[in-house]
Amino acid sequence: MPPAAIGVVRVSGPQAGVALEALAGRLPEPRRAVLAELTDAEGAPLDRALILWFPGPATATGEDLAELHLHGGRAVVAAVEAVLEALPRLRRAEAGEFTRRAFDHGRIDLAEAEGLADLLAAETEGQRKQALGMASGHVSRVVEAWQEQLLTLMAGAEAELNFADEDDVEVGESVAQRLRDGMGALAGEMDAWLARPAAEVIAEGLSVVIAGPPNAGKSTLINALAKSELAIVSPVAGTTRDVIETALALDGIAMRFSDTAGLRAESADAIEMIGIDRAKAAVEAADILLWLGPPKEAPEHPRAILIAAQADRWAGDTAVEAEAARCDLALSAATGEGMDRLHRMIVELAHTLLPREGEAALRRRQREALAEAKGWLTVEAGSREAGDLILLAERLRLAGGALDRITGRAGVEEMLDTLFGRFCIGK
């Protein structure tokens, strides 16, 4: 948004050329930036700007497209927009409309559009890499390869069903077996993708919950991690009565750190008990648990880091030191002791929950469609369907339809408005 060094105004559609001629008096050579004087309908100067002309369909939106690279002051941009809006059959773009037009004209598919939306919203390095892979068509290319394999299998089934009397058409059980083998191989590839971490883990951030008994140093730790006073620190037990959440990024990985109420069997009041119940629920849902308390009291969790907290207070106490030896690390959030090591341990655990470098992850919608496709391709050996070419061909068709929903070829109209509404105005 203005003010800025440069303001880019884009016009897309059949009137793009008319709009550019109205402002600059001419159409420049396609795909070449040209310096031009922009004027209004009365010939009054508006700006001296770079103009570009992109005739369709080989454009970002699949339509004729013009760009104006203006000086980015508010008055300049507003004056040019006023001239454009006064032209017949031109209007301001709605949120996400350019991307929607690119989708409608086949310039991008739905998976790429979702990746672009995530790229615009990316705040961490991990989110940027994941969204860029999706926007550049990584998932789409894999789905396209699966669809090609499905078409090959379907062609084999159709050849047997419709042309079995031809000499060069394979017949009999061998055709059904070949179809089942191909379907099984495809289902296996899809299963491997479904086993990957979900894209929401990257987009929404991993849940890291700090838990332990009252006065264990939980609030001090989250304040140290966030480098701000998020939680009230007090020697009074039960000060934290609800889950306090803050978004942080460690080594480019988005995370949601939660400070919880101290866990104890008895409480002075009902409100604190509500906080304890919420803390227990947060622990169960956590991707990573930071436990600040006796190791023997730590909840069962697959990715727990046992922390001997407040190390600056118990140095020299042999009983506490013996218990601390059973923890993963000793830490003092007040002095900084152990904070770097805790950082490394959290990041190492986080990497076990994220896609490997260069590996794409799927959104929930995409995973559901892929799981459906895999289901149609999974045929139980010895079942009636296993030898019935008509039923096998129908399963292949239904699997193809499920894959189509990933790239947006079918059954997604209601979801499109919600998706493209996530984009900024004009994008």
Protein backbone atom coordinates (compact mmCIF):
# COMPACT_ATOMS: atom_id res chain seq x y z
CA MET A 1 0.00 0.00 0.00
CA PRO A 2 1.20 3.56 -0.71
CA PRO A 3 3.37 5.37 0.06
CA ALA A 4 6.19 3.33 -1.49
CA ALA A 5 9.05 3.76 -3.93
CA ILE A 6 7.05 2.08 -6.70
CA GLY A 7 3.34 1.39 -7.03
CA VAL A 8 2.34 -1.34 -9.49
CA VAL A 9 -1.16 -1.15 -10.98
CA ARG A 10 -2.30 -4.18 -12.98
CA VAL A 11 -5.23 -4.33 -15.41
CA SER A 12 -6.45 -7.70 -16.66
CA GLY A 13 -9.17 -8.56 -19.14
CA PRO A 14 -10.37 -7.62 -22.64
CA GLN A 15 -10.24 -3.87 -21.85
CA ALA A 16 -6.61 -3.91 -20.63
CA GLY A 17 -5.29 -2.60 -23.95
CA VAL A 18 -7.92 0.13 -24.09
CA ALA A 19 -7.01 1.22 -20.57
CA LEU A 20 -3.29 1.39 -21.38
CA GLU A 21 -3.92 3.40 -24.53
CA ALA A 22 -6.16 5.80 -22.61
CA LEU A 23 -3.36 6.56 -20.13
CA ALA A 24 -0.24 6.31 -22.30
CA GLY A 25 -1.68 7.00 -25.76
CA ARG A 26 -0.25 3.79 -27.23
CA LEU A 27 0.49 0.13 -26.73
CA PRO A 28 4.20 -0.62 -26.35
CA GLU A 29 5.94 -3.66 -27.80
CA PRO A 30 4.69 -6.76 -25.95
CA ARG A 31 6.66 -7.78 -22.87
CA ARG A 32 9.01 -4.83 -22.99
CA ALA A 33 9.12 -2.10 -20.34
CA VAL A 34 8.79 1.39 -21.86
CA LEU A 35 8.91 4.81 -20.23
CA ALA A 36 5.73 6.78 -20.90
CA GLU A 37 3.92 9.96 -19.90
CA LEU A 38 0.55 9.13 -18.34
CA THR A 39 -2.27 11.63 -18.73
CA ASP A 40 -5.93 11.86 -17.79
CA ALA A 41 -8.88 12.25 -20.17
CA GLU A 42 -8.20 16.02 -20.53
CA GLY A 43 -4.50 15.49 -21.22
CA ALA A 44 -3.31 16.64 -17.82
CA PRO A 45 -0.12 14.82 -16.73
CA LEU A 46 -0.43 12.17 -14.03
CA ASP A 47 2.99 10.53 -13.82
CA ARG A 48 6.05 9.45 -15.79
CA ALA A 49 6.04 5.67 -15.45
CA LEU A 50 7.13 2.36 -16.90
CA ILE A 51 4.38 0.58 -18.82
CA LEU A 52 4.21 -3.05 -19.94
CA TRP A 53 1.82 -4.81 -22.31
CA PHE A 54 1.18 -8.58 -22.17
CA PRO A 55 -1.29 -9.87 -24.79
CA GLY A 56 -3.11 -13.04 -23.75
CA PRO A 57 -3.35 -15.93 -23.38
CA ALA A 58 0.31 -16.37 -22.35
CA THR A 59 -0.01 -14.13 -19.29
CA ALA A 60 -0.31 -14.57 -15.54
CA THR A 61 -4.12 -14.51 -15.75
CA GLY A 62 -4.56 -16.01 -19.24
CA GLU A 63 -6.06 -12.69 -20.44
CA ASP A 64 -4.71 -9.48 -21.96
CA LEU A 65 -2.81 -7.75 -19.19
CA ALA A 66 -1.25 -4.32 -18.66
CA GLU A 67 1.02 -3.11 -15.87
CA LEU A 68 1.84 0.44 -14.77
CA HIS A 69 4.92 0.90 -12.60
CA LEU A 70 4.20 4.27 -11.01
CA HIS A 71 5.89 6.45 -8.45
CA GLY A 72 4.40 5.05 -5.27
CA GLY A 73 2.94 8.15 -3.64
CA ARG A 74 -0.68 8.00 -2.53
CA ALA A 75 -1.75 10.91 -4.73
CA VAL A 76 -0.13 9.44 -7.86
CA VAL A 77 -1.67 6.02 -7.42
CA ALA A 78 -5.07 7.47 -6.53
CA ALA A 79 -5.07 9.73 -9.63
CA VAL A 80 -4.25 6.86 -11.99
CA GLU A 81 -6.85 4.62 -10.36
CA ALA A 82 -9.48 7.36 -10.73
CA VAL A 83 -8.85 7.54 -14.48
CA LEU A 84 -9.09 3.77 -14.82
CA GLU A 85 -12.30 3.53 -12.81
CA ALA A 86 -13.90 6.21 -15.03
CA LEU A 87 -13.34 4.11 -18.16
CA PRO A 88 -16.29 2.00 -19.35
CA ARG A 89 -16.29 -1.73 -18.50
CA LEU A 90 -13.47 -1.37 -15.97
CA ARG A 91 -13.81 -1.95 -12.24
CA ARG A 92 -11.60 -2.52 -9.22
CA ALA A 93 -10.49 -6.13 -8.78
CA GLU A 94 -11.99 -8.10 -5.92
CA ALA A 95 -9.82 -9.89 -3.36
CA GLY A 96 -7.96 -12.73 -5.06
CA GLU A 97 -9.56 -12.07 -8.45
CA PHE A 98 -6.36 -12.13 -10.53
CA THR A 99 -5.43 -15.50 -9.04
CA ARG A 100 -9.00 -16.75 -9.55
CA ARG A 101 -8.82 -15.73 -13.22
CA ALA A 102 -5.48 -17.51 -13.58
CA PHE A 103 -7.16 -20.63 -12.21
CA ASP A 104 -10.24 -20.25 -14.43
CA HIS A 105 -8.04 -19.91 -17.52
CA GLY A 106 -5.89 -22.90 -16.65
CA ARG A 107 -2.72 -20.94 -15.87
CA ILE A 108 -2.52 -22.53 -12.42
CA ASP A 109 -4.42 -25.35 -10.74
CA LEU A 110 -6.05 -25.40 -7.33
CA ALA A 111 -3.07 -26.88 -5.50
CA GLU A 112 -0.81 -24.14 -6.90
CA ALA A 113 -3.35 -21.47 -5.91
CA GLU A 114 -3.43 -22.83 -2.35
CA GLY A 115 0.36 -22.74 -2.29
CA LEU A 116 0.32 -19.13 -3.45
CA ALA A 117 -2.12 -18.22 -0.68
CA ASP A 118 0.18 -19.87 1.86
CA LEU A 119 3.20 -18.09 0.36
CA LEU A 120 1.52 -14.71 0.85
CA ALA A 121 0.79 -15.63 4.47
CA ALA A 122 4.21 -17.18 5.20
CA GLU A 123 5.99 -15.69 8.21
CA THR A 124 8.79 -18.21 8.77
CA GLU A 125 11.42 -19.82 6.55
CA GLY A 126 9.76 -23.22 6.89
CA GLN A 127 6.40 -21.83 5.81
CA ARG A 128 8.02 -20.06 2.86
CA LYS A 129 9.75 -23.21 1.58
CA GLN A 130 6.65 -25.36 1.92
CA ALA A 131 4.37 -22.80 0.25
CA LEU A 132 6.86 -22.17 -2.57
CA GLY A 133 7.02 -25.88 -3.36
CA MET A 134 3.23 -26.04 -3.54
CA ALA A 135 2.92 -22.84 -5.59
CA SER A 136 5.55 -24.03 -8.06
CA GLY A 137 3.52 -27.15 -8.83
CA HIS A 138 5.35 -29.88 -6.87
CA VAL A 139 2.16 -31.60 -5.72
CA SER A 140 0.41 -30.94 -9.03
CA ARG A 141 3.12 -32.74 -10.98
CA VAL A 142 2.89 -35.79 -8.74
CA VAL A 143 -0.91 -35.87 -9.09
CA GLU A 144 -0.60 -35.46 -12.86
CA ALA A 145 1.72 -38.49 -12.99
CA TRP A 146 -0.79 -40.54 -10.99
CA GLN A 147 -3.58 -39.46 -13.32
CA GLU A 148 -1.52 -40.57 -16.32
CA GLN A 149 -1.04 -43.98 -14.74
CA LEU A 150 -4.76 -44.21 -14.02
CA LEU A 151 -5.56 -43.38 -17.64
CA THR A 152 -3.22 -46.13 -18.81
CA LEU A 153 -4.91 -48.65 -16.53
CA MET A 154 -8.36 -47.46 -17.58
CA ALA A 155 -7.40 -47.81 -21.25
CA GLY A 156 -6.42 -51.41 -20.61
CA ALA A 157 -9.73 -52.13 -18.91
CA GLU A 158 -11.72 -50.46 -21.69
CA ALA A 159 -9.81 -52.37 -24.37
CA GLU A 160 -10.71 -55.68 -22.74
CA LEU A 161 -14.34 -54.69 -22.16
CA ASN A 162 -15.03 -53.31 -25.64
CA PHE A 163 -12.55 -54.99 -27.97
CA ALA A 164 -11.94 -58.43 -26.45
CA ASP A 165 -12.57 -60.08 -29.81
CA GLU A 166 -9.60 -58.34 -31.44
CA ASP A 167 -6.47 -60.44 -31.86
CA ASP A 168 -4.09 -57.86 -30.37
CA VAL A 169 -6.10 -57.28 -27.16
CA GLU A 170 -5.01 -59.16 -24.05
CA VAL A 171 -7.89 -61.11 -22.48
CA GLY A 172 -8.77 -63.13 -19.41
CA GLU A 173 -7.57 -63.09 -15.82
CA SER A 174 -4.20 -61.63 -16.83
CA VAL A 175 -5.88 -58.29 -17.55
CA ALA A 176 -7.59 -58.15 -14.15
CA GLN A 177 -4.34 -59.16 -12.44
CA ARG A 178 -2.42 -56.46 -14.28
CA LEU A 179 -5.02 -53.88 -13.27
CA ARG A 180 -4.89 -54.97 -9.64
CA ASP A 181 -1.10 -54.84 -9.64
CA GLY A 182 -1.13 -51.34 -11.09
CA MET A 183 -3.80 -50.18 -8.65
CA GLY A 184 -1.87 -51.64 -5.74
CA ALA A 185 1.34 -49.90 -6.79
CA LEU A 186 -0.46 -46.57 -7.06
CA ALA A 187 -2.15 -47.07 -3.70
CA GLY A 188 1.26 -47.70 -2.16
CA GLU A 189 2.66 -44.44 -3.55
CA MET A 190 -0.35 -42.54 -2.22
CA ASP A 191 -0.01 -44.19 1.17
CA ALA A 192 3.59 -42.95 1.38
CA TRP A 193 2.35 -39.39 0.77
CA LEU A 194 -0.39 -39.77 3.37
CA ALA A 195 2.24 -40.86 5.91
CA ARG A 196 4.00 -37.49 5.56
CA PRO A 197 3.34 -34.70 8.10
CA ALA A 198 0.35 -32.51 7.27
CA ALA A 199 0.90 -29.05 5.79
CA GLU A 200 -1.11 -27.53 8.66
CA VAL A 201 1.77 -28.40 11.01
CA ILE A 202 3.94 -25.97 9.05
CA ALA A 203 1.30 -23.31 8.44
CA GLU A 204 -0.19 -23.22 11.94
CA GLY A 205 2.98 -24.06 13.87
CA LEU A 206 3.91 -26.94 16.14
CA SER A 207 2.33 -26.96 19.58
CA VAL A 208 4.95 -26.81 22.34
CA VAL A 209 3.40 -27.01 25.81
CA ILE A 210 5.21 -26.09 29.02
CA ALA A 211 3.76 -28.04 31.95
CA GLY A 212 4.61 -29.00 35.50
CA PRO A 213 3.56 -28.45 39.12
CA PRO A 214 2.93 -24.96 40.56
CA ASN A 215 5.98 -22.71 40.97
CA ALA A 216 8.13 -24.92 38.73
CA GLY A 217 9.28 -21.95 36.62
CA LYS A 218 6.92 -22.41 33.66
CA SER A 219 5.98 -18.75 33.31
CA THR A 220 9.60 -17.67 33.70
CA LEU A 221 10.57 -20.08 30.93
CA ILE A 222 7.94 -18.87 28.43
CA ASN A 223 8.92 -15.27 29.19
CA ALA A 224 12.56 -16.17 28.50
CA LEU A 225 11.68 -17.94 25.26
CA ALA A 226 9.52 -15.04 24.07
CA LYS A 227 11.95 -12.44 25.44
CA SER A 228 8.99 -10.51 26.85
CA GLU A 229 6.77 -10.52 29.92
CA LEU A 230 3.90 -12.65 28.61
CA ALA A 231 3.06 -14.38 31.88
CA ILE A 232 2.87 -13.12 35.43
CA VAL A 233 5.65 -14.56 37.60
CA SER A 234 4.82 -14.94 41.29
CA PRO A 235 5.80 -17.22 44.19
CA VAL A 236 2.08 -17.69 44.89
CA ALA A 237 0.93 -21.15 43.75
CA GLY A 238 -1.82 -21.08 41.12
CA THR A 239 -0.95 -17.68 39.62
CA THR A 240 -1.35 -19.03 36.08
CA ARG A 241 -4.96 -20.18 35.74
CA ASP A 242 -5.34 -20.52 31.98
CA VAL A 243 -3.31 -21.51 28.95
CA ILE A 244 -1.18 -18.59 27.73
CA GLU A 245 -0.10 -19.07 24.11
CA THR A 246 2.46 -17.20 22.06
CA ALA A 247 3.71 -17.75 18.51
CA LEU A 248 7.49 -18.05 18.12
CA ALA A 249 9.84 -19.20 15.37
CA LEU A 250 12.91 -21.26 16.21
CA ASP A 251 15.38 -21.72 13.33
CA GLY A 252 12.66 -20.76 10.85
CA ILE A 253 10.11 -23.24 12.25
CA ALA A 254 6.76 -21.83 13.35
CA MET A 255 5.75 -22.92 16.85
CA ARG A 256 3.02 -22.13 19.35
CA PHE A 257 4.37 -22.14 22.92
CA SER A 258 1.82 -22.55 25.70
CA ASP A 259 2.27 -21.83 29.41
CA THR A 260 -0.21 -23.83 31.50
CA ALA A 261 -1.63 -23.85 35.00
CA GLY A 262 0.39 -25.79 37.58
CA LEU A 263 -0.74 -29.42 37.79
CA ARG A 264 -1.68 -30.58 41.28
CA ALA A 265 -4.23 -32.92 42.73
CA GLU A 266 -5.94 -30.38 44.98
CA SER A 267 -6.77 -26.75 44.40
CA ALA A 268 -7.99 -23.88 46.51
CA ASP A 269 -10.84 -22.94 44.16
CA ALA A 270 -12.93 -24.16 41.25
CA ILE A 271 -11.49 -21.63 38.77
CA GLU A 272 -7.97 -22.98 39.20
CA MET A 273 -9.30 -26.50 38.66
CA ILE A 274 -10.70 -25.37 35.29
CA GLY A 275 -7.22 -24.11 34.42
CA ILE A 276 -5.72 -27.45 35.44
CA ASP A 277 -8.20 -29.34 33.25
CA ARG A 278 -7.26 -27.11 30.32
CA ALA A 279 -3.59 -27.69 31.04
CA LYS A 280 -4.10 -31.46 30.92
CA ALA A 281 -5.94 -31.16 27.60
CA ALA A 282 -3.11 -29.01 26.20
CA VAL A 283 -0.54 -31.62 27.28
CA GLU A 284 -2.47 -34.38 25.50
CA ALA A 285 -2.68 -32.34 22.28
CA ALA A 286 0.94 -31.10 22.37
CA ASP A 287 3.37 -31.93 19.60
CA ILE A 288 6.25 -31.37 22.02
CA LEU A 289 6.04 -31.33 25.84
CA LEU A 290 8.43 -29.41 28.08
CA TRP A 291 8.01 -30.93 31.55
CA LEU A 292 9.26 -28.87 34.52
CA GLY A 293 8.78 -31.20 37.45
CA PRO A 294 9.80 -34.53 39.00
CA PRO A 295 10.58 -37.01 36.20
CA LYS A 296 8.42 -39.70 37.83
CA GLU A 297 5.39 -37.39 37.58
CA ALA A 298 5.85 -36.57 33.88
CA PRO A 299 2.82 -37.41 31.70
CA GLU A 300 3.18 -40.12 29.07
CA HIS A 301 4.21 -38.33 25.88
CA PRO A 302 6.18 -39.47 22.81
CA ARG A 303 8.14 -36.21 22.54
CA ALA A 304 8.73 -34.96 26.07
CA ILE A 305 11.79 -33.04 27.24
CA LEU A 306 12.28 -33.46 30.99
CA ILE A 307 13.73 -30.28 32.42
CA ALA A 308 15.32 -29.73 35.83
CA ALA A 309 14.28 -26.09 36.08
CA GLN A 310 15.47 -23.26 38.35
CA ALA A 311 19.01 -24.68 38.37
CA ASP A 312 20.30 -21.44 39.91
CA ARG A 313 18.33 -22.20 43.09
CA TRP A 314 19.20 -25.82 43.85
CA ALA A 315 22.92 -25.94 43.03
CA GLY A 316 24.61 -27.88 45.82
CA ASP A 317 21.43 -29.60 47.03
CA THR A 318 22.44 -33.27 46.57
CA ALA A 319 18.86 -34.59 46.73
CA VAL A 320 17.64 -32.23 44.01
CA GLU A 321 20.80 -32.82 41.95
CA ALA A 322 20.20 -36.57 42.05
CA GLU A 323 16.67 -36.07 40.71
CA ALA A 324 17.91 -33.58 38.10
CA ALA A 325 20.33 -36.22 36.81
CA ARG A 326 17.31 -38.20 35.58
CA CYS A 327 16.15 -35.23 33.46
CA ASP A 328 17.22 -34.41 29.91
CA LEU A 329 18.82 -31.11 30.93
CA ALA A 330 19.25 -28.66 33.76
CA LEU A 331 18.02 -25.17 33.05
CA SER A 332 17.72 -21.75 34.57
CA ALA A 333 15.52 -19.39 32.60
CA ALA A 334 16.57 -16.59 34.95
CA THR A 335 20.33 -16.88 34.24
CA GLY A 336 20.14 -18.42 30.75
CA GLU A 337 21.86 -21.67 31.77
CA GLY A 338 20.74 -24.48 29.44
CA MET A 339 18.60 -22.24 27.18
CA ASP A 340 20.75 -22.80 24.09
CA ARG A 341 20.66 -26.57 24.61
CA LEU A 342 16.88 -26.50 25.10
CA HIS A 343 16.58 -24.54 21.85
CA ARG A 344 18.54 -27.23 20.00
CA MET A 345 16.53 -30.06 21.55
CA ILE A 346 13.20 -28.47 20.59
CA VAL A 347 14.36 -27.89 17.00
CA GLU A 348 15.64 -31.49 16.72
CA LEU A 349 12.28 -32.85 17.86
CA ALA A 350 10.45 -30.44 15.55
CA HIS A 351 12.34 -31.78 12.54
CA THR A 352 10.97 -35.26 13.24
CA LEU A 353 7.45 -33.85 12.82
CA LEU A 354 8.08 -31.86 9.64
CA PRO A 355 8.58 -32.89 6.01
CA ARG A 356 12.18 -33.51 5.05
CA GLU A 357 14.07 -30.95 2.99
CA GLY A 358 12.50 -30.71 -0.47
CA GLU A 359 9.54 -32.91 0.52
CA ALA A 360 6.07 -31.44 -0.02
CA ALA A 361 3.24 -31.84 2.47
CA LEU A 362 -0.48 -31.96 1.81
CA ARG A 363 -3.27 -29.82 3.16
CA ARG A 364 -6.18 -31.46 4.97
CA ARG A 365 -8.45 -31.11 1.94
CA GLN A 366 -5.83 -32.68 -0.30
CA ARG A 367 -5.17 -35.50 2.14
CA GLU A 368 -8.86 -36.34 2.30
CA ALA A 369 -9.10 -36.51 -1.50
CA LEU A 370 -5.93 -38.61 -1.72
CA ALA A 371 -7.16 -41.00 0.98
CA GLU A 372 -10.38 -41.46 -0.99
CA ALA A 373 -8.43 -42.18 -4.19
CA LYS A 374 -6.28 -44.71 -2.34
CA GLY A 375 -9.43 -46.37 -0.98
CA TRP A 376 -10.84 -46.85 -4.48
CA LEU A 377 -7.56 -48.38 -5.63
CA THR A 378 -7.41 -50.86 -2.75
CA VAL A 379 -9.07 -54.15 -3.77
CA GLU A 380 -9.18 -57.09 -1.41
CA ALA A 381 -7.63 -60.22 -2.92
CA GLY A 382 -10.18 -62.93 -3.62
CA SER A 383 -13.13 -60.55 -3.49
CA ARG A 384 -15.81 -60.47 -6.18
CA GLU A 385 -14.44 -57.18 -7.47
CA ALA A 386 -10.93 -58.57 -7.90
CA GLY A 387 -11.86 -60.36 -11.12
CA ASP A 388 -14.61 -58.08 -12.41
CA LEU A 389 -13.23 -55.69 -15.02
CA ILE A 390 -16.35 -53.50 -14.97
CA LEU A 391 -16.03 -52.92 -11.22
CA LEU A 392 -12.28 -52.40 -11.46
CA ALA A 393 -12.77 -49.85 -14.23
CA GLU A 394 -15.34 -48.03 -12.11
CA ARG A 395 -12.92 -47.94 -9.18
CA LEU A 396 -10.28 -46.43 -11.45
CA ARG A 397 -12.76 -43.79 -12.61
CA LEU A 398 -13.71 -42.88 -9.04
CA ALA A 399 -10.05 -42.71 -8.00
CA GLY A 400 -9.42 -40.32 -10.89
CA GLY A 401 -12.30 -38.15 -9.76
CA ALA A 402 -10.85 -37.94 -6.25
CA LEU A 403 -7.47 -36.89 -7.65
CA ASP A 404 -9.18 -34.28 -9.82
CA ARG A 405 -10.36 -32.55 -6.65
CA ILE A 406 -6.76 -31.97 -5.55
CA THR A 407 -5.97 -29.95 -8.65
CA GLY A 408 -9.45 -28.45 -8.92
CA ARG A 409 -10.86 -30.12 -11.98
CA ALA A 410 -14.10 -31.22 -10.34
CA GLY A 411 -16.35 -30.71 -7.34
CA VAL A 412 -14.72 -27.66 -5.79
CA GLU A 413 -16.92 -24.67 -6.72
CA GLU A 414 -18.20 -24.01 -3.19
CA MET A 415 -14.68 -24.00 -1.80
CA LEU A 416 -13.18 -21.64 -4.40
CA ASP A 417 -14.73 -18.43 -3.09
CA THR A 418 -13.39 -19.13 0.39
CA LEU A 419 -9.91 -19.86 -0.92
CA PHE A 420 -9.51 -16.86 -3.21
CA GLY A 421 -10.99 -14.55 -0.58
CA ARG A 422 -7.79 -15.12 1.43
CA PHE A 423 -5.78 -13.07 -1.09
CA CYS A 424 -5.12 -9.38 -0.79
CA ILE A 425 -7.07 -6.95 -2.94
CA GLY A 426 -6.18 -7.47 -6.60
CA LYS A 427 -3.85 -10.41 -6.05
